[in-house]
Amino acid sequence: MKEITLTGASKISSPNPVTIVCTQKPDGSTNLATVSWWTYLSYNPNMIAYAMAKTSYSGEMVRQNKKVILTIPSDKIADVVMGCGISTGRNTDKIKKFGVKMKVLPDSDISVPEYSALAIVCRLKEYIETGDHYLYICNVEKVYADEQEKVVFAWNGYSQIKAVR
């Protein structure tokens, strides 16, 4: 074995789960951000966690509003996933910029992309500083699924977004 970088390790360990984090902006509209790491934490109570850069506008909105929806995007919007990961919602309407069709979930004021295989509605429990990221720990309130959609994963160190099957 030879010593490599953590970035190199992410290429070897692909594919990785990917999600679009949906948050509410101060004007009530929805912001979308791509997150390349999330996990289930507990099934009793239902909890998940995900990591975002400290500078993330979506992270700021989650810390402010305490509400977030994690969606698992389908292969039909793979290009949107990459686009939402390389631009900020602080001064960009990503929904308009990338032409994302949105839908409303019951009892939520945050919209989600139409082509989502999974939507996990959460309330922020706490967040922890982890170097240049925050780890967001969330209580899961509701989960919705469309099992007809093919989910996407991040490949080759997060440089490609595509389905497995």
C-alpha atoms as a PDB file:
ATOM      1  CA  MET A   1       0.000   0.000   0.000  1.00  0.00           C
ATOM      2  CA  LYS A   2       1.048   3.588  -0.567  1.00  0.00           C
ATOM      3  CA  GLU A   3      -0.012   6.746   1.215  1.00  0.00           C
ATOM      4  CA  ILE A   4      -2.633   8.821  -0.660  1.00  0.00           C
ATOM      5  CA  THR A   5      -4.805  11.869   0.019  1.00  0.00           C
ATOM      6  CA  LEU A   6      -8.298  11.740   1.436  1.00  0.00           C
ATOM      7  CA  THR A   7      -9.532  13.077  -1.925  1.00  0.00           C
ATOM      8  CA  GLY A   8      -7.877  10.089  -3.573  1.00  0.00           C
ATOM      9  CA  ALA A   9      -9.602   7.799  -1.104  1.00  0.00           C
ATOM     10  CA  SER A  10     -12.986   9.232  -2.100  1.00  0.00           C
ATOM     11  CA  LYS A  11     -12.328   8.195  -5.701  1.00  0.00           C
ATOM     12  CA  ILE A  12     -11.463   4.643  -4.677  1.00  0.00           C
ATOM     13  CA  SER A  13     -14.472   4.303  -2.357  1.00  0.00           C
ATOM     14  CA  SER A  14     -17.027   5.454  -4.970  1.00  0.00           C
ATOM     15  CA  PRO A  15     -19.932   5.404  -5.398  1.00  0.00           C
ATOM     16  CA  ASN A  16     -21.002   7.668  -2.554  1.00  0.00           C
ATOM     17  CA  PRO A  17     -24.516   8.707  -1.571  1.00  0.00           C
ATOM     18  CA  VAL A  18     -25.575  12.134  -2.755  1.00  0.00           C
ATOM     19  CA  THR A  19     -28.525  14.300  -1.779  1.00  0.00           C
ATOM     20  CA  ILE A  20     -30.104  17.627  -2.579  1.00  0.00           C
ATOM     21  CA  VAL A  21     -30.704  19.566   0.613  1.00  0.00           C
ATOM     22  CA  CYS A  22     -33.825  21.741   0.388  1.00  0.00           C
ATOM     23  CA  THR A  23     -34.033  24.735   2.718  1.00  0.00           C
ATOM     24  CA  GLN A  24     -36.253  27.768   3.039  1.00  0.00           C
ATOM     25  CA  LYS A  25     -34.873  31.207   2.189  1.00  0.00           C
ATOM     26  CA  PRO A  26     -36.004  34.318   4.106  1.00  0.00           C
ATOM     27  CA  ASP A  27     -38.426  35.199   1.259  1.00  0.00           C
ATOM     28  CA  GLY A  28     -40.128  31.783   1.629  1.00  0.00           C
ATOM     29  CA  SER A  29     -38.662  30.304  -1.556  1.00  0.00           C
ATOM     30  CA  THR A  30     -36.704  27.055  -1.590  1.00  0.00           C
ATOM     31  CA  ASN A  31     -32.942  26.791  -1.978  1.00  0.00           C
ATOM     32  CA  LEU A  32     -31.229  23.647  -3.267  1.00  0.00           C
ATOM     33  CA  ALA A  33     -27.736  22.473  -2.346  1.00  0.00           C
ATOM     34  CA  THR A  34     -25.932  19.271  -3.183  1.00  0.00           C
ATOM     35  CA  VAL A  35     -24.454  17.316  -0.301  1.00  0.00           C
ATOM     36  CA  SER A  36     -22.122  14.420  -0.902  1.00  0.00           C
ATOM     37  CA  TRP A  37     -22.317  12.798   2.507  1.00  0.00           C
ATOM     38  CA  TRP A  38     -25.270  11.820   4.665  1.00  0.00           C
ATOM     39  CA  THR A  39     -26.162   8.817   6.805  1.00  0.00           C
ATOM     40  CA  TYR A  40     -28.831   7.216   8.932  1.00  0.00           C
ATOM     41  CA  LEU A  41     -28.032   7.646  12.628  1.00  0.00           C
ATOM     42  CA  SER A  42     -30.919   6.033  14.472  1.00  0.00           C
ATOM     43  CA  TYR A  43     -34.227   4.287  13.869  1.00  0.00           C
ATOM     44  CA  ASN A  44     -35.511   4.908  17.401  1.00  0.00           C
ATOM     45  CA  PRO A  45     -35.831   7.845  17.357  1.00  0.00           C
ATOM     46  CA  ASN A  46     -35.518   8.378  13.606  1.00  0.00           C
ATOM     47  CA  MET A  47     -32.426  10.491  12.971  1.00  0.00           C
ATOM     48  CA  ILE A  48     -30.056  11.282  10.102  1.00  0.00           C
ATOM     49  CA  ALA A  49     -26.913  13.374   9.734  1.00  0.00           C
ATOM     50  CA  TYR A  50     -25.233  15.179   6.881  1.00  0.00           C
ATOM     51  CA  ALA A  51     -22.189  17.404   6.472  1.00  0.00           C
ATOM     52  CA  MET A  52     -21.945  20.804   4.759  1.00  0.00           C
ATOM     53  CA  ALA A  53     -19.146  23.338   4.421  1.00  0.00           C
ATOM     54  CA  LYS A  54     -19.229  26.038   7.090  1.00  0.00           C
ATOM     55  CA  THR A  55     -19.642  28.679   4.378  1.00  0.00           C
ATOM     56  CA  SER A  56     -22.784  27.047   2.943  1.00  0.00           C
ATOM     57  CA  TYR A  57     -25.787  29.327   2.530  1.00  0.00           C
ATOM     58  CA  SER A  58     -28.103  26.324   2.954  1.00  0.00           C
ATOM     59  CA  GLY A  59     -26.369  25.486   6.215  1.00  0.00           C
ATOM     60  CA  GLU A  60     -27.009  29.029   7.377  1.00  0.00           C
ATOM     61  CA  MET A  61     -30.715  28.652   6.500  1.00  0.00           C
ATOM     62  CA  VAL A  62     -30.960  25.315   8.378  1.00  0.00           C
ATOM     63  CA  ARG A  63     -29.330  26.798  11.469  1.00  0.00           C
ATOM     64  CA  GLN A  64     -31.756  29.743  11.264  1.00  0.00           C
ATOM     65  CA  ASN A  65     -35.010  27.887  10.422  1.00  0.00           C
ATOM     66  CA  LYS A  66     -34.295  24.471  11.994  1.00  0.00           C
ATOM     67  CA  LYS A  67     -36.085  22.869   8.987  1.00  0.00           C
ATOM     68  CA  VAL A  68     -34.609  20.882   6.108  1.00  0.00           C
ATOM     69  CA  ILE A  69     -35.625  18.235   3.595  1.00  0.00           C
ATOM     70  CA  LEU A  70     -33.023  15.842   2.236  1.00  0.00           C
ATOM     71  CA  THR A  71     -33.974  14.443  -1.145  1.00  0.00           C
ATOM     72  CA  ILE A  72     -32.364  11.597  -3.004  1.00  0.00           C
ATOM     73  CA  PRO A  73     -32.391  12.751  -6.624  1.00  0.00           C
ATOM     74  CA  SER A  74     -33.265  10.550  -9.568  1.00  0.00           C
ATOM     75  CA  ASP A  75     -31.178  10.088 -12.682  1.00  0.00           C
ATOM     76  CA  LYS A  76     -33.609  12.400 -14.511  1.00  0.00           C
ATOM     77  CA  ILE A  77     -32.041  15.396 -12.739  1.00  0.00           C
ATOM     78  CA  ALA A  78     -28.405  14.268 -12.480  1.00  0.00           C
ATOM     79  CA  ASP A  79     -27.238  17.468 -14.199  1.00  0.00           C
ATOM     80  CA  VAL A  80     -29.124  19.559 -11.630  1.00  0.00           C
ATOM     81  CA  VAL A  81     -27.325  17.750  -8.802  1.00  0.00           C
ATOM     82  CA  MET A  82     -23.929  18.816 -10.122  1.00  0.00           C
ATOM     83  CA  GLY A  83     -25.098  22.378 -10.836  1.00  0.00           C
ATOM     84  CA  CYS A  84     -26.562  22.835  -7.361  1.00  0.00           C
ATOM     85  CA  GLY A  85     -23.258  21.707  -5.909  1.00  0.00           C
ATOM     86  CA  ILE A  86     -21.111  24.308  -7.645  1.00  0.00           C
ATOM     87  CA  SER A  87     -23.191  27.461  -7.151  1.00  0.00           C
ATOM     88  CA  THR A  88     -24.502  29.286  -4.114  1.00  0.00           C
ATOM     89  CA  GLY A  89     -28.113  30.112  -3.360  1.00  0.00           C
ATOM     90  CA  ARG A  90     -27.037  33.231  -1.509  1.00  0.00           C
ATOM     91  CA  ASN A  91     -27.398  35.270  -4.710  1.00  0.00           C
ATOM     92  CA  THR A  92     -28.658  32.694  -7.242  1.00  0.00           C
ATOM     93  CA  ASP A  93     -32.116  31.209  -7.719  1.00  0.00           C
ATOM     94  CA  LYS A  94     -30.938  27.681  -8.531  1.00  0.00           C
ATOM     95  CA  ILE A  95     -34.463  26.464  -9.279  1.00  0.00           C
ATOM     96  CA  LYS A  96     -34.816  29.055 -12.020  1.00  0.00           C
ATOM     97  CA  LYS A  97     -31.202  28.809 -13.208  1.00  0.00           C
ATOM     98  CA  PHE A  98     -31.342  25.029 -13.698  1.00  0.00           C
ATOM     99  CA  GLY A  99     -35.034  24.808 -14.659  1.00  0.00           C
ATOM    100  CA  VAL A 100     -35.926  22.484 -11.782  1.00  0.00           C
ATOM    101  CA  LYS A 101     -39.555  21.384 -11.612  1.00  0.00           C
ATOM    102  CA  MET A 102     -40.627  21.443  -7.975  1.00  0.00           C
ATOM    103  CA  LYS A 103     -43.431  19.854  -5.975  1.00  0.00           C
ATOM    104  CA  VAL A 104     -44.916  20.461  -2.554  1.00  0.00           C
ATOM    105  CA  LEU A 105     -45.068  17.798   0.145  1.00  0.00           C
ATOM    106  CA  PRO A 106     -47.984  17.594   2.593  1.00  0.00           C
ATOM    107  CA  ASP A 107     -47.555  19.832   5.656  1.00  0.00           C
ATOM    108  CA  SER A 108     -44.325  21.429   4.408  1.00  0.00           C
ATOM    109  CA  ASP A 109     -43.515  24.932   3.228  1.00  0.00           C
ATOM    110  CA  ILE A 110     -40.278  23.704   1.603  1.00  0.00           C
ATOM    111  CA  SER A 111     -40.582  22.383  -1.959  1.00  0.00           C
ATOM    112  CA  VAL A 112     -38.580  19.457  -3.360  1.00  0.00           C
ATOM    113  CA  PRO A 113     -37.422  18.579  -6.881  1.00  0.00           C
ATOM    114  CA  GLU A 114     -40.102  16.706  -8.819  1.00  0.00           C
ATOM    115  CA  TYR A 115     -37.772  13.850  -9.722  1.00  0.00           C
ATOM    116  CA  SER A 116     -36.790  12.724  -6.234  1.00  0.00           C
ATOM    117  CA  ALA A 117     -36.715   9.082  -5.239  1.00  0.00           C
ATOM    118  CA  LEU A 118     -36.817   9.946  -1.556  1.00  0.00           C
ATOM    119  CA  ALA A 119     -37.634  12.996   0.568  1.00  0.00           C
ATOM    120  CA  ILE A 120     -36.715  13.008   4.257  1.00  0.00           C
ATOM    121  CA  VAL A 121     -38.399  15.837   6.158  1.00  0.00           C
ATOM    122  CA  CYS A 122     -36.320  16.845   9.170  1.00  0.00           C
ATOM    123  CA  ARG A 123     -35.968  19.231  12.057  1.00  0.00           C
ATOM    124  CA  LEU A 124     -32.462  20.239  13.113  1.00  0.00           C
ATOM    125  CA  LYS A 125     -31.539  18.781  16.500  1.00  0.00           C
ATOM    126  CA  GLU A 126     -27.983  20.106  16.685  1.00  0.00           C
ATOM    127  CA  TYR A 127     -24.902  20.787  14.647  1.00  0.00           C
ATOM    128  CA  ILE A 128     -21.264  20.170  15.446  1.00  0.00           C
ATOM    129  CA  GLU A 129     -18.147  21.820  14.051  1.00  0.00           C
ATOM    130  CA  THR A 130     -15.998  19.285  12.205  1.00  0.00           C
ATOM    131  CA  GLY A 131     -13.022  21.114  10.711  1.00  0.00           C
ATOM    132  CA  ASP A 132     -14.146  23.058   7.640  1.00  0.00           C
ATOM    133  CA  HIS A 133     -17.666  21.537   7.807  1.00  0.00           C
ATOM    134  CA  TYR A 134     -20.592  21.342  10.197  1.00  0.00           C
ATOM    135  CA  LEU A 135     -22.220  18.001  10.917  1.00  0.00           C
ATOM    136  CA  TYR A 136     -26.000  18.493  11.041  1.00  0.00           C
ATOM    137  CA  ILE A 137     -27.874  16.018  13.224  1.00  0.00           C
ATOM    138  CA  CYS A 138     -31.584  15.956  12.462  1.00  0.00           C
ATOM    139  CA  ASN A 139     -34.737  14.361  13.769  1.00  0.00           C
ATOM    140  CA  VAL A 140     -36.735  12.783  10.954  1.00  0.00           C
ATOM    141  CA  GLU A 141     -40.376  13.868  10.942  1.00  0.00           C
ATOM    142  CA  LYS A 142     -41.663  12.198   7.739  1.00  0.00           C
ATOM    143  CA  VAL A 143     -40.310  10.219   4.802  1.00  0.00           C
ATOM    144  CA  TYR A 144     -41.778  10.087   1.269  1.00  0.00           C
ATOM    145  CA  ALA A 145     -40.658   7.850  -1.604  1.00  0.00           C
ATOM    146  CA  ASP A 146     -41.181   7.290  -5.304  1.00  0.00           C
ATOM    147  CA  GLU A 147     -39.767   3.821  -5.868  1.00  0.00           C
ATOM    148  CA  GLN A 148     -40.077   4.203  -9.657  1.00  0.00           C
ATOM    149  CA  GLU A 149     -37.176   6.673  -9.720  1.00  0.00           C
ATOM    150  CA  LYS A 150     -33.564   5.506 -10.162  1.00  0.00           C
ATOM    151  CA  VAL A 151     -31.348   7.103  -7.515  1.00  0.00           C
ATOM    152  CA  VAL A 152     -28.024   8.711  -8.346  1.00  0.00           C
ATOM    153  CA  PHE A 153     -24.679   8.452  -6.605  1.00  0.00           C
ATOM    154  CA  ALA A 154     -21.463  10.457  -6.740  1.00  0.00           C
ATOM    155  CA  TRP A 155     -18.672   8.708  -8.625  1.00  0.00           C
ATOM    156  CA  ASN A 156     -14.964   9.251  -9.117  1.00  0.00           C
ATOM    157  CA  GLY A 157     -14.389  11.583  -6.193  1.00  0.00           C
ATOM    158  CA  TYR A 158     -17.683  13.386  -6.730  1.00  0.00           C
ATOM    159  CA  SER A 159     -16.855  14.355 -10.305  1.00  0.00           C
ATOM    160  CA  GLN A 160     -19.767  12.399 -11.843  1.00  0.00           C
ATOM    161  CA  ILE A 161     -23.383  11.942 -10.835  1.00  0.00           C
ATOM    162  CA  LYS A 162     -25.128   8.832 -12.187  1.00  0.00           C
ATOM    163  CA  ALA A 163     -27.324   5.885 -11.255  1.00  0.00           C
ATOM    164  CA  VAL A 164     -26.021   2.474 -10.234  1.00  0.00           C
ATOM    165  CA  ARG A 165     -28.713   0.375 -11.865  1.00  0.00           C
END
